[in-house]
Amino acid sequence: MDATGLITFLLIGLVAGWIAGNLMKGRGLGLVGNLIVGVIGAVLGGILFDFLDITAGGLIGAIITATAGAVVLLFLMSFVKKA
């Protein structure tokens, strides 16, 4: 992965983490928290979309995939936190 791809991946993760934070808790987790949740969510979303045979292309598709994964990650984190 080149530098442009890495920066794009991190920016998508940041946006996805911010969106997921707003959807799940009503607020974000801060810049670093959003980035971490978004990047992990992007990987998780890619795995989930591949498993469900869903394709989402382009920048908007990448943001949707990453956001879906980040929402699932935040849900699992809140579930584990309550236990």
Protein backbone atom coordinates (compact mmCIF):
# COMPACT_ATOMS: atom_id res chain seq x y z
CA MET A 1 0.00 0.00 0.00
CA ASP A 2 1.41 3.36 -0.95
CA ALA A 3 1.23 6.54 1.13
CA THR A 4 -1.87 7.84 -0.66
CA GLY A 5 -3.74 4.59 -0.07
CA LEU A 6 -2.78 4.59 3.60
CA ILE A 7 -3.90 8.18 4.08
CA THR A 8 -7.18 7.44 2.26
CA PHE A 9 -7.74 4.34 4.43
CA LEU A 10 -7.12 6.35 7.61
CA LEU A 11 -9.41 9.18 6.50
CA ILE A 12 -12.19 6.71 5.66
CA GLY A 13 -11.66 5.12 9.07
CA LEU A 14 -11.85 8.50 10.77
CA VAL A 15 -15.11 9.42 9.01
CA ALA A 16 -16.60 5.96 9.62
CA GLY A 17 -15.65 6.04 13.30
CA TRP A 18 -17.20 9.47 13.70
CA ILE A 19 -20.44 8.41 11.98
CA ALA A 20 -20.63 5.19 14.00
CA GLY A 21 -19.97 7.08 17.23
CA ASN A 22 -22.83 9.44 16.44
CA LEU A 23 -25.15 6.58 15.50
CA MET A 24 -24.40 4.44 18.54
CA LYS A 25 -23.81 6.89 21.37
CA GLY A 26 -24.89 10.26 20.10
CA ARG A 27 -21.31 11.55 20.22
CA GLY A 28 -17.88 10.64 18.93
CA LEU A 29 -15.02 9.05 20.80
CA GLY A 30 -12.49 11.76 20.06
CA LEU A 31 -10.10 11.91 17.14
CA VAL A 32 -7.94 8.93 18.12
CA GLY A 33 -10.87 6.82 19.31
CA ASN A 34 -12.81 7.47 16.10
CA LEU A 35 -9.77 6.59 14.00
CA ILE A 36 -9.16 3.31 15.84
CA VAL A 37 -12.83 2.27 15.79
CA GLY A 38 -13.13 3.27 12.14
CA VAL A 39 -10.02 1.40 10.99
CA ILE A 40 -10.93 -1.76 12.89
CA GLY A 41 -14.51 -1.30 11.71
CA ALA A 42 -13.33 -1.04 8.10
CA VAL A 43 -11.63 -4.41 8.38
CA LEU A 44 -14.62 -5.93 10.20
CA GLY A 45 -17.06 -4.41 7.69
CA GLY A 46 -15.04 -5.82 4.80
CA ILE A 47 -15.17 -9.28 6.35
CA LEU A 48 -18.92 -9.00 7.06
CA PHE A 49 -19.77 -7.67 3.60
CA ASP A 50 -17.68 -10.41 1.99
CA PHE A 51 -19.40 -13.06 4.13
CA LEU A 52 -22.84 -11.69 3.20
CA ASP A 53 -21.79 -11.31 -0.46
CA ILE A 54 -22.50 -7.56 -0.47
CA THR A 55 -20.45 -5.31 -2.72
CA ALA A 56 -20.08 -1.58 -2.24
CA GLY A 57 -17.73 0.17 -4.61
CA GLY A 58 -16.12 3.58 -4.62
CA LEU A 59 -15.47 6.03 -1.83
CA ILE A 60 -19.06 6.09 -0.59
CA GLY A 61 -19.16 2.29 -0.57
CA ALA A 62 -15.94 2.18 1.44
CA ILE A 63 -17.37 4.63 3.97
CA ILE A 64 -20.60 2.62 4.23
CA THR A 65 -18.67 -0.62 4.68
CA ALA A 66 -16.38 0.88 7.31
CA THR A 67 -19.28 2.51 9.13
CA ALA A 68 -21.25 -0.74 9.24
CA GLY A 69 -18.24 -2.52 10.67
CA ALA A 70 -17.63 0.26 13.19
CA VAL A 71 -21.27 0.14 14.33
CA VAL A 72 -20.99 -3.62 14.85
CA LEU A 73 -17.73 -3.09 16.75
CA LEU A 74 -19.25 -0.41 19.00
CA PHE A 75 -22.28 -2.64 19.62
CA LEU A 76 -20.02 -5.54 20.63
CA MET A 77 -17.96 -3.21 22.83
CA SER A 78 -21.08 -1.94 24.62
CA PHE A 79 -22.35 -5.51 25.02
CA VAL A 80 -19.06 -6.65 26.58
CA LYS A 81 -18.84 -3.52 28.71
CA LYS A 82 -22.25 -4.24 30.28
CA ALA A 83 -21.34 -7.84 31.10
